[in-house]
Amino acid sequence: MKTTKLIPYSGVDEIGGVKILVSTDETSIFLDFGKPMSRWKKYYDFPYLMPKSISQLIAFNIIPGEDDNLRGLYTVKHDVEDYGIEKEPETCIEAVFISHMHLDHFGHVPLLNRKIKVYAGRVTYLLCQAYKLHSQKISVENDLDHLDTKHENFKVFRYGDKIKVGDLEVTPIPVDHSIPGAYAFLIDTGEHRIVYTGDIRWHGPANFLTTNFVKKASEFEPDLMLCDATRFDKADLNTEEDVRRRMLTVARECRGVLVTSLSPVDIDRVNTVCKIADEAGRTVVMDMSMASKIARLHGLGIRNYPNLSRIFVLKPSKLYRRWQKLFMKHLTGEEITARNGLEEAEEKLGKLFAGAIEIDEIAEKPHEFALATTPYSLKELSELSHRIGYSTSGGVYIASISEPFEEEMEIKFERVKNWIESLGLAYYHIHSSGHAHPFDIAKMISEIKPKTVSPVHSMHSTVFQKFINRYANVKLLKCGVEHCIGK
């Protein structure tokens, strides 16, 4: 009988950082290769203090060290002269499958041996190109040059593909999450069958994707289901329609500046902000980095994709980076010429927007605008205080992101709250999670009927076990510990 082993190296008893090794006697693959942010933040502070080497990350237990199961896992690009892929060591890992483009699932892919194939969906690929252009190469974690379809080891999959890797067959199934292009995976080893949900929800605008996944996963008859268990600490039942309704109530009452904080790749939320701004008679002005990321997904037929021709881009007081100047070229008349295809694409993206607006215009007529900013961003609040002063009468700040769940996020949140209070803005938290709540997880498991289910992406595995035990056999995993499927 063929042996199927599973070893989680992170993403168990922590939020994110998922790295799960699945191996048979012949083949080894990873499900996601994310950055475990809670571990990372114990030692580093972006962008001021960044990892110097892969060995440093191993020493701090942020990534696993190489052993017999992980031989040749990491690249030697940063350690040799005249680097070429032929200088990479032989590796026992054949492929990594990325569920979606959140850093806690994707962020450590740049560390991998370039001989390892990386499989990702189309949206993840396009967002990866934005990340590549926008990020500064200040760390070994930011080297994304090989993550391009020009390189033979970067593969873009689509729904319906069945991907053969050694004696494994992997089938990607799209699911609903707070970023477009999220996938679950069905892994068939020939002897055992595994379902990995990735990050998943059943209450979002694209819940039909999750419904289809549950049907396919049920037909798959899995031995093991690796299940997103994020929301077992604090569940809520808010839907995107609930968010829209509550935001609209606030926007209509607001008589001053309206500031929203949201994820730059949560297309559903961006669309909701655009809708409520329109209904409240306001013009959306978007942070430039957010605008560039969203623009890369234009033309893909993504559900709820906003009309960019009605959105203005906030012009920074100064453009420091080439990509910024290229993106703003047709909005501000910047004198710059693209040097390659990636820069040409950035230049074209700026044309999709209605125009550029400076913070002074918002300060003069704050009641006419809805300012969309990235989570914990202070630069817009600082600029407003400089232009308007420390009183923005009747203004509102809507945080439409998850509440902070670890110490550093709480520190950032407190800093933002201090600015909000200094400006006299009323604060509202209006959000719908990108992760399924407990009863939806229970329903999912009941319909899929796995022989065993194991929680991942959670700090509350024992709560999951006690709650789900009546629906299925629950097996708790431990980081770095080998688990044999079927035993």
Protein backbone atom coordinates (compact mmCIF):
# COMPACT_ATOMS: atom_id res chain seq x y z
CA MET A 1 0.00 0.00 0.00
CA LYS A 2 1.28 3.46 -0.94
CA THR A 3 2.12 5.77 1.98
CA THR A 4 0.86 9.36 1.96
CA LYS A 5 2.51 11.68 4.46
CA LEU A 6 1.61 15.21 5.46
CA ILE A 7 3.78 17.64 7.42
CA PRO A 8 2.62 21.18 8.23
CA TYR A 9 5.63 23.46 8.76
CA SER A 10 3.53 26.52 9.65
CA GLY A 11 -0.13 27.52 9.50
CA VAL A 12 -1.22 25.28 12.37
CA ASP A 13 -2.14 26.96 15.67
CA GLU A 14 -1.44 30.31 13.99
CA ILE A 15 -3.18 32.57 11.49
CA GLY A 16 -1.61 32.20 8.05
CA GLY A 17 1.90 31.27 7.03
CA VAL A 18 0.54 28.05 5.57
CA LYS A 19 3.24 25.61 4.39
CA ILE A 20 1.93 22.04 4.13
CA LEU A 21 4.07 19.27 2.66
CA VAL A 22 2.21 16.39 1.00
CA SER A 23 4.37 13.47 -0.08
CA THR A 24 4.16 9.91 -1.33
CA ASP A 25 7.05 7.50 -1.81
CA GLU A 26 7.69 9.14 -5.19
CA THR A 27 6.52 12.78 -5.08
CA SER A 28 6.54 15.76 -2.71
CA ILE A 29 4.60 19.01 -3.13
CA PHE A 30 3.73 21.98 -0.93
CA LEU A 31 0.26 23.43 -0.49
CA ASP A 32 0.98 27.16 -0.18
CA PHE A 33 4.27 28.63 0.96
CA GLY A 34 3.20 31.60 3.02
CA LYS A 35 4.89 34.00 5.40
CA PRO A 36 3.96 33.34 9.09
CA MET A 37 3.48 36.97 10.05
CA SER A 38 3.27 36.50 13.82
CA ARG A 39 6.66 34.73 13.85
CA TRP A 40 8.18 37.18 11.36
CA LYS A 41 7.19 40.26 13.37
CA LYS A 42 9.00 39.02 16.45
CA TYR A 43 12.30 39.84 14.72
CA TYR A 44 11.62 42.19 11.81
CA ASP A 45 9.97 45.52 11.12
CA PHE A 46 9.01 46.33 7.53
CA PRO A 47 10.65 48.19 5.83
CA TYR A 48 13.28 49.20 8.38
CA LEU A 49 14.61 45.83 9.51
CA MET A 50 14.35 43.02 6.98
CA PRO A 51 15.75 39.47 6.72
CA LYS A 52 19.36 39.36 5.51
CA SER A 53 19.45 35.71 4.48
CA ILE A 54 17.54 32.45 4.28
CA SER A 55 19.75 31.01 7.02
CA GLN A 56 18.68 33.84 9.31
CA LEU A 57 15.02 33.03 8.74
CA ILE A 58 15.75 29.36 9.50
CA ALA A 59 17.60 30.28 12.70
CA PHE A 60 14.57 32.22 13.94
CA ASN A 61 12.21 29.30 13.11
CA ILE A 62 10.32 31.44 10.61
CA ILE A 63 10.92 28.91 7.85
CA PRO A 64 11.85 25.23 8.21
CA GLY A 65 15.44 24.08 7.89
CA GLU A 66 16.34 21.59 5.19
CA ASP A 67 16.26 17.89 6.12
CA ASP A 68 15.65 14.62 4.28
CA ASN A 69 12.06 15.71 3.53
CA LEU A 70 13.11 19.16 2.32
CA ARG A 71 16.37 18.52 0.52
CA GLY A 72 17.26 21.39 -1.83
CA LEU A 73 14.19 23.42 -0.81
CA TYR A 74 15.75 26.88 -0.98
CA THR A 75 17.46 28.89 -3.68
CA VAL A 76 21.21 29.54 -3.62
CA LYS A 77 20.81 32.65 -5.80
CA HIS A 78 21.95 34.98 -3.02
CA ASP A 79 24.99 32.88 -2.11
CA VAL A 80 26.81 32.27 -5.43
CA GLU A 81 28.43 34.42 -8.09
CA ASP A 82 27.30 34.37 -11.74
CA TYR A 83 24.03 32.76 -10.73
CA GLY A 84 22.09 30.61 -13.16
CA ILE A 85 19.40 28.02 -12.53
CA GLU A 86 21.95 25.31 -13.28
CA LYS A 87 23.66 26.27 -9.99
CA GLU A 88 20.56 25.39 -7.97
CA PRO A 89 20.93 22.10 -6.04
CA GLU A 90 18.86 19.06 -6.84
CA THR A 91 15.66 19.05 -4.81
CA CYS A 92 13.14 16.47 -3.64
CA ILE A 93 10.28 19.00 -3.86
CA GLU A 94 8.62 18.99 -7.27
CA ALA A 95 6.01 21.73 -6.98
CA VAL A 96 4.23 24.32 -4.85
CA PHE A 97 0.53 25.09 -5.33
CA ILE A 98 -0.56 28.60 -4.32
CA SER A 99 -4.19 29.03 -3.28
CA HIS A 100 -4.30 32.84 -3.53
CA MET A 101 -2.23 36.03 -3.45
CA HIS A 102 -2.25 36.89 0.24
CA LEU A 103 1.24 37.05 1.73
CA ASP A 104 0.41 34.54 4.45
CA HIS A 105 -0.06 31.97 1.65
CA PHE A 106 2.38 33.25 -0.98
CA GLY A 107 4.98 35.40 0.79
CA HIS A 108 7.88 32.94 1.02
CA VAL A 109 7.72 31.63 -2.54
CA PRO A 110 10.70 33.89 -3.46
CA LEU A 111 12.90 31.77 -1.18
CA LEU A 112 12.32 28.56 -3.12
CA ASN A 113 14.78 26.69 -5.30
CA ARG A 114 14.14 27.91 -8.87
CA LYS A 115 13.91 24.28 -10.06
CA ILE A 116 10.66 23.84 -8.08
CA LYS A 117 7.57 24.47 -10.20
CA VAL A 118 5.17 27.10 -8.86
CA TYR A 119 1.48 26.70 -9.82
CA ALA A 120 -0.93 29.61 -9.36
CA GLY A 121 -4.16 30.99 -10.82
CA ARG A 122 -4.36 33.83 -13.34
CA VAL A 123 -5.34 36.52 -10.79
CA THR A 124 -2.50 35.50 -8.47
CA TYR A 125 -0.09 35.76 -11.39
CA LEU A 126 -1.24 39.30 -12.28
CA LEU A 127 -1.10 40.49 -8.66
CA CYS A 128 2.34 38.93 -8.41
CA GLN A 129 3.48 41.19 -11.28
CA ALA A 130 2.22 44.24 -9.36
CA TYR A 131 3.99 43.06 -6.22
CA LYS A 132 7.17 42.51 -8.23
CA LEU A 133 7.10 46.06 -9.63
CA HIS A 134 6.04 47.82 -6.43
CA SER A 135 8.28 46.08 -3.91
CA GLN A 136 11.84 47.20 -3.36
CA LYS A 137 14.48 44.47 -3.34
CA ILE A 138 15.48 45.14 0.25
CA SER A 139 15.30 41.52 1.34
CA VAL A 140 15.70 37.96 0.11
CA GLU A 141 11.90 37.77 0.44
CA ASN A 142 11.32 40.32 -2.32
CA ASP A 143 13.13 38.66 -5.24
CA LEU A 144 10.27 37.75 -7.59
CA ASP A 145 12.08 37.87 -10.94
CA HIS A 146 11.47 34.19 -11.69
CA LEU A 147 7.72 34.41 -11.03
CA ASP A 148 6.80 35.07 -14.61
CA THR A 149 5.27 32.91 -17.34
CA LYS A 150 8.46 33.47 -19.35
CA HIS A 151 10.14 31.10 -16.89
CA GLU A 152 9.32 27.45 -17.48
CA ASN A 153 8.84 26.66 -13.79
CA PHE A 154 6.05 29.19 -13.23
CA LYS A 155 2.73 27.69 -14.32
CA VAL A 156 -0.69 29.36 -14.49
CA PHE A 157 -3.64 27.02 -14.00
CA ARG A 158 -7.34 27.45 -14.70
CA TYR A 159 -10.51 25.86 -13.38
CA GLY A 160 -10.94 22.47 -15.06
CA ASP A 161 -7.22 21.70 -15.17
CA LYS A 162 -6.02 18.41 -13.72
CA ILE A 163 -2.33 18.81 -13.00
CA LYS A 164 -0.10 15.73 -12.90
CA VAL A 165 2.97 16.00 -10.68
CA GLY A 166 4.73 12.66 -10.36
CA ASP A 167 2.15 10.19 -9.04
CA LEU A 168 -0.10 13.00 -7.74
CA GLU A 169 -2.99 14.67 -9.51
CA VAL A 170 -4.03 18.12 -8.30
CA THR A 171 -7.33 19.74 -9.28
CA PRO A 172 -7.83 23.46 -8.51
CA ILE A 173 -11.40 24.53 -7.68
CA PRO A 174 -12.28 28.26 -7.32
CA VAL A 175 -13.81 29.35 -4.00
CA ASP A 176 -15.11 32.59 -2.53
CA HIS A 177 -12.71 34.62 -0.38
CA SER A 178 -11.91 38.30 0.20
CA ILE A 179 -9.63 38.34 -2.85
CA PRO A 180 -10.55 37.23 -6.37
CA GLY A 181 -8.86 34.17 -7.82
CA ALA A 182 -8.81 32.08 -4.63
CA TYR A 183 -8.66 28.29 -5.07
CA ALA A 184 -9.10 25.10 -3.08
CA PHE A 185 -7.29 21.94 -4.16
CA LEU A 186 -8.25 18.29 -4.55
CA ILE A 187 -5.15 16.07 -4.30
CA ASP A 188 -5.33 12.45 -5.47
CA THR A 189 -2.31 10.30 -4.62
CA GLY A 190 -3.77 7.17 -6.21
CA GLU A 191 -4.18 5.66 -2.75
CA HIS A 192 -5.54 8.61 -0.74
CA ARG A 193 -7.53 11.75 -1.43
CA ILE A 194 -7.01 15.12 0.26
CA VAL A 195 -9.08 18.29 0.13
CA TYR A 196 -7.44 21.60 1.02
CA THR A 197 -9.91 24.49 1.31
CA GLY A 198 -7.38 27.31 1.29
CA ASP A 199 -9.06 30.42 2.72
CA ILE A 200 -12.79 30.10 2.13
CA ARG A 201 -16.17 31.63 2.95
CA TRP A 202 -19.77 30.79 2.12
CA HIS A 203 -21.42 34.12 2.89
CA GLY A 204 -19.77 36.32 0.25
CA PRO A 205 -21.08 37.64 -3.08
CA ALA A 206 -19.47 34.71 -4.94
CA ASN A 207 -20.84 32.02 -2.60
CA PHE A 208 -21.86 30.00 -5.65
CA LEU A 209 -18.15 29.20 -6.13
CA THR A 210 -17.97 27.68 -2.65
CA THR A 211 -21.20 25.77 -3.29
CA ASN A 212 -19.65 24.27 -6.43
CA PHE A 213 -16.47 23.42 -4.52
CA VAL A 214 -18.46 21.60 -1.81
CA LYS A 215 -20.23 19.56 -4.51
CA LYS A 216 -16.94 18.64 -6.23
CA ALA A 217 -15.24 17.86 -2.92
CA SER A 218 -18.15 15.63 -1.86
CA GLU A 219 -17.92 13.69 -5.13
CA PHE A 220 -14.16 13.35 -4.52
CA GLU A 221 -14.82 11.36 -1.28
CA PRO A 222 -11.73 12.61 0.59
CA ASP A 223 -9.80 10.74 3.24
CA LEU A 224 -8.64 14.04 4.75
CA MET A 225 -9.95 17.58 4.62
CA LEU A 226 -7.57 20.41 5.56
CA CYS A 227 -10.03 23.09 6.60
CA ASP A 228 -9.84 26.86 7.09
CA ALA A 229 -10.72 27.40 10.78
CA THR A 230 -9.90 31.09 11.15
CA ARG A 231 -13.18 32.33 12.60
CA PHE A 232 -13.56 29.99 15.55
CA ASP A 233 -12.52 32.73 17.96
CA LYS A 234 -14.90 35.50 16.96
CA ALA A 235 -17.53 34.68 14.35
CA ASP A 236 -19.93 37.10 12.72
CA LEU A 237 -22.74 36.72 10.22
CA ASN A 238 -22.27 39.97 8.30
CA THR A 239 -22.59 39.71 4.52
CA GLU A 240 -21.36 42.17 1.90
CA GLU A 241 -24.92 43.47 1.60
CA ASP A 242 -24.91 44.18 5.35
CA VAL A 243 -21.67 46.11 4.86
CA ARG A 244 -23.14 48.10 1.97
CA ARG A 245 -26.29 48.98 3.89
CA ARG A 246 -24.45 50.15 7.01
CA MET A 247 -21.80 52.05 5.06
CA LEU A 248 -24.50 53.84 3.09
CA THR A 249 -26.28 54.92 6.28
CA VAL A 250 -23.03 56.40 7.59
CA ALA A 251 -22.10 58.02 4.26
CA ARG A 252 -25.48 59.74 3.96
CA GLU A 253 -25.21 61.15 7.48
CA CYS A 254 -21.59 62.26 7.05
CA ARG A 255 -21.21 66.01 6.47
CA GLY A 256 -17.43 66.16 6.27
CA VAL A 257 -14.63 64.03 4.90
CA LEU A 258 -15.36 60.30 4.48
CA VAL A 259 -12.30 58.05 4.84
CA THR A 260 -12.48 54.29 4.32
CA SER A 261 -9.79 51.74 5.12
CA LEU A 262 -9.90 48.46 3.19
CA SER A 263 -7.77 45.79 1.60
CA PRO A 264 -6.51 46.86 -1.84
CA VAL A 265 -7.35 43.49 -3.37
CA ASP A 266 -10.78 42.95 -1.79
CA ILE A 267 -12.68 43.70 -5.00
CA ASP A 268 -16.09 43.15 -3.39
CA ARG A 269 -15.32 45.76 -0.73
CA VAL A 270 -13.86 48.23 -3.22
CA ASN A 271 -17.04 47.89 -5.28
CA THR A 272 -19.17 48.40 -2.16
CA VAL A 273 -17.31 51.64 -1.35
CA CYS A 274 -17.82 52.84 -4.94
CA LYS A 275 -21.54 52.05 -4.76
CA ILE A 276 -22.20 53.82 -1.47
CA ALA A 277 -20.13 56.83 -2.56
CA ASP A 278 -22.20 57.12 -5.73
CA GLU A 279 -25.49 56.81 -3.81
CA ALA A 280 -24.30 59.43 -1.31
CA GLY A 281 -23.23 61.83 -4.07
CA ARG A 282 -19.49 61.50 -3.46
CA THR A 283 -16.51 60.91 -5.76
CA VAL A 284 -14.16 58.04 -4.91
CA VAL A 285 -10.49 58.96 -4.61
CA MET A 286 -8.17 55.99 -4.26
CA ASP A 287 -4.67 55.47 -2.90
CA MET A 288 -2.26 55.02 -5.83
CA SER A 289 -0.90 51.64 -4.76
CA MET A 290 -4.43 50.28 -4.35
CA ALA A 291 -5.43 51.70 -7.75
CA SER A 292 -2.49 50.04 -9.50
CA LYS A 293 -3.23 46.61 -8.04
CA ILE A 294 -6.94 46.76 -8.89
CA ALA A 295 -6.23 47.98 -12.42
CA ARG A 296 -4.19 44.84 -13.15
CA LEU A 297 -7.38 42.80 -12.86
CA HIS A 298 -9.25 44.89 -15.43
CA GLY A 299 -10.85 42.90 -18.22
CA LEU A 300 -10.81 39.50 -16.46
CA GLY A 301 -14.57 39.41 -15.99
CA ILE A 302 -14.29 39.46 -12.20
CA ARG A 303 -17.65 39.67 -10.47
CA ASN A 304 -18.30 43.09 -8.85
CA TYR A 305 -15.29 44.68 -10.51
CA PRO A 306 -15.66 48.47 -10.11
CA ASN A 307 -15.94 51.00 -12.94
CA LEU A 308 -12.45 52.52 -12.87
CA SER A 309 -13.42 55.37 -15.21
CA ARG A 310 -15.41 56.87 -12.30
CA ILE A 311 -12.56 56.62 -9.79
CA PHE A 312 -9.89 59.28 -9.24
CA VAL A 313 -6.37 58.55 -7.99
CA LEU A 314 -4.92 60.49 -5.08
CA LYS A 315 -1.75 62.20 -6.29
CA PRO A 316 1.05 62.01 -3.70
CA SER A 317 2.90 65.20 -2.85
CA LYS A 318 5.93 63.64 -4.53
CA LEU A 319 6.43 60.66 -6.83
CA TYR A 320 9.56 58.79 -5.75
CA ARG A 321 9.43 55.49 -7.64
CA ARG A 322 9.54 54.84 -11.40
CA TRP A 323 6.36 52.77 -11.31
CA GLN A 324 4.54 55.65 -9.60
CA LYS A 325 5.62 58.12 -12.27
CA LEU A 326 4.64 55.71 -15.05
CA PHE A 327 1.25 54.97 -13.51
CA MET A 328 0.50 58.70 -13.10
CA LYS A 329 1.95 59.73 -16.48
CA HIS A 330 -1.38 60.19 -18.27
CA LEU A 331 -3.05 61.61 -15.17
CA THR A 332 -0.49 64.29 -14.35
CA GLY A 333 1.69 64.67 -17.46
CA GLU A 334 4.82 63.13 -15.92
CA GLU A 335 7.78 63.10 -18.32
CA ILE A 336 9.03 59.51 -18.30
CA THR A 337 9.48 56.67 -20.80
CA ALA A 338 8.85 52.99 -20.07
CA ARG A 339 11.95 50.78 -20.35
CA ASN A 340 10.32 47.34 -20.57
CA GLY A 341 7.01 45.51 -20.95
CA LEU A 342 6.22 45.57 -17.24
CA GLU A 343 6.67 49.35 -17.12
CA GLU A 344 4.63 49.79 -20.32
CA ALA A 345 1.80 47.87 -18.67
CA GLU A 346 1.96 50.14 -15.62
CA GLU A 347 1.73 53.19 -17.86
CA LYS A 348 -1.40 51.83 -19.55
CA LEU A 349 -3.09 51.06 -16.23
CA GLY A 350 -3.16 54.72 -15.24
CA LYS A 351 -5.26 55.51 -18.31
CA LEU A 352 -8.15 53.46 -16.91
CA PHE A 353 -8.92 56.04 -14.20
CA ALA A 354 -10.89 59.28 -14.37
CA GLY A 355 -8.00 61.49 -13.32
CA ALA A 356 -5.83 62.57 -10.41
CA ILE A 357 -6.85 64.63 -7.39
CA GLU A 358 -4.57 66.28 -4.86
CA ILE A 359 -5.27 66.28 -1.15
CA ASP A 360 -5.83 70.05 -1.27
CA GLU A 361 -8.96 69.54 -3.38
CA ILE A 362 -10.34 67.11 -0.82
CA ALA A 363 -9.49 69.53 1.99
CA GLU A 364 -11.39 72.34 0.24
CA LYS A 365 -14.57 70.30 -0.37
CA PRO A 366 -14.40 67.27 1.96
CA HIS A 367 -18.13 66.55 1.68
CA GLU A 368 -17.74 65.76 -2.03
CA PHE A 369 -15.27 62.87 -1.71
CA ALA A 370 -14.86 59.35 -0.35
CA LEU A 371 -11.19 58.59 0.25
CA ALA A 372 -10.21 54.90 -0.08
CA THR A 373 -7.02 54.03 1.82
CA THR A 374 -5.08 50.87 2.65
CA PRO A 375 -5.21 49.33 6.16
CA TYR A 376 -3.39 51.27 8.90
CA SER A 377 -2.24 53.93 6.42
CA LEU A 378 -1.44 57.23 8.13
CA LYS A 379 -0.20 59.36 5.23
CA GLU A 380 -3.68 60.46 4.13
CA LEU A 381 -4.70 61.36 7.69
CA SER A 382 -1.45 63.26 8.18
CA GLU A 383 -1.98 65.18 4.92
CA LEU A 384 -5.57 66.01 5.88
CA SER A 385 -4.49 67.33 9.26
CA HIS A 386 -1.86 69.47 7.54
CA ARG A 387 -4.35 70.93 5.05
CA ILE A 388 -7.53 71.13 7.15
CA GLY A 389 -6.10 71.45 10.63
CA TYR A 390 -7.01 69.30 13.58
CA SER A 391 -10.74 69.63 13.14
CA THR A 392 -12.65 67.88 10.37
CA SER A 393 -16.17 68.66 11.56
CA GLY A 394 -18.69 65.97 10.71
CA GLY A 395 -16.08 63.65 9.22
CA VAL A 396 -16.07 59.85 9.43
CA TYR A 397 -13.49 57.06 9.32
CA ILE A 398 -14.78 53.60 8.37
CA ALA A 399 -12.46 50.66 9.06
CA SER A 400 -13.60 47.86 6.76
CA ILE A 401 -10.95 45.29 7.68
CA SER A 402 -10.58 42.58 10.31
CA GLU A 403 -10.00 43.75 13.84
CA PRO A 404 -6.37 43.41 15.01
CA PHE A 405 -5.60 39.93 16.34
CA GLU A 406 -1.98 40.27 17.45
CA GLU A 407 0.14 42.79 19.33
CA GLU A 408 1.79 44.63 16.44
CA MET A 409 -1.52 45.07 14.63
CA GLU A 410 -2.97 46.47 17.86
CA ILE A 411 -0.12 48.98 18.08
CA LYS A 412 -0.73 50.11 14.48
CA PHE A 413 -4.46 50.27 15.14
CA GLU A 414 -3.95 52.43 18.24
CA ARG A 415 -1.73 54.78 16.21
CA VAL A 416 -4.47 55.14 13.56
CA LYS A 417 -7.09 55.68 16.28
CA ASN A 418 -4.97 58.48 17.76
CA TRP A 419 -4.93 60.26 14.40
CA ILE A 420 -8.66 59.70 13.95
CA GLU A 421 -9.38 61.17 17.37
CA SER A 422 -7.03 64.12 16.80
CA LEU A 423 -8.95 64.95 13.61
CA GLY A 424 -12.31 64.62 15.34
CA LEU A 425 -13.50 61.86 13.00
CA ALA A 426 -16.27 59.51 14.09
CA TYR A 427 -15.01 55.92 13.94
CA TYR A 428 -17.02 52.97 12.57
CA HIS A 429 -15.97 49.36 12.10
CA ILE A 430 -18.03 47.83 9.27
CA HIS A 431 -16.74 44.56 7.91
CA SER A 432 -17.62 41.13 6.56
CA SER A 433 -15.00 38.42 7.01
CA GLY A 434 -13.20 36.59 4.23
CA HIS A 435 -13.46 33.37 6.26
CA ALA A 436 -16.44 31.10 6.86
CA HIS A 437 -18.15 31.19 10.24
CA PRO A 438 -18.45 27.98 12.32
CA PHE A 439 -21.90 26.84 11.19
CA ASP A 440 -20.96 27.25 7.53
CA ILE A 441 -17.81 25.19 8.18
CA ALA A 442 -19.96 22.53 9.88
CA LYS A 443 -22.35 22.49 6.91
CA MET A 444 -19.42 22.23 4.52
CA ILE A 445 -17.94 19.27 6.39
CA SER A 446 -21.33 17.56 6.70
CA GLU A 447 -21.82 17.72 2.92
CA ILE A 448 -18.26 16.79 1.92
CA LYS A 449 -18.12 13.90 4.44
CA PRO A 450 -14.33 13.50 4.78
CA LYS A 451 -13.12 10.52 6.80
CA THR A 452 -11.01 12.95 8.84
CA VAL A 453 -10.85 16.75 9.04
CA SER A 454 -7.93 18.82 10.35
CA PRO A 455 -8.07 22.58 11.07
CA VAL A 456 -5.46 24.94 9.62
CA HIS A 457 -5.05 28.72 9.60
CA SER A 458 -6.39 28.98 13.17
CA MET A 459 -5.30 29.85 16.68
CA HIS A 460 -8.24 27.93 18.13
CA SER A 461 -7.83 24.35 16.92
CA THR A 462 -9.16 22.82 20.15
CA VAL A 463 -12.34 24.90 19.87
CA PHE A 464 -12.70 23.66 16.30
CA GLN A 465 -12.22 20.07 17.47
CA LYS A 466 -14.89 20.30 20.18
CA PHE A 467 -17.37 22.07 17.90
CA ILE A 468 -16.87 19.88 14.80
CA ASN A 469 -16.54 16.48 16.55
CA ARG A 470 -20.27 15.88 16.22
CA TYR A 471 -20.01 16.31 12.43
CA ALA A 472 -16.76 14.46 11.64
CA ASN A 473 -13.66 12.83 13.07
CA VAL A 474 -11.20 15.63 13.88
CA LYS A 475 -7.44 15.14 13.97
CA LEU A 476 -5.27 18.00 15.22
CA LEU A 477 -1.98 18.55 13.41
CA LYS A 478 1.29 19.76 14.89
CA CYS A 479 3.91 21.85 13.11
CA GLY A 480 6.89 19.82 11.97
CA VAL A 481 5.26 16.51 12.90
CA GLU A 482 4.64 13.86 10.25
CA HIS A 483 1.09 12.57 9.87
CA CYS A 484 0.34 9.44 7.85
CA ILE A 485 -3.03 9.54 6.10
CA GLY A 486 -5.23 6.55 6.72
CA LYS A 487 -3.60 5.71 10.05
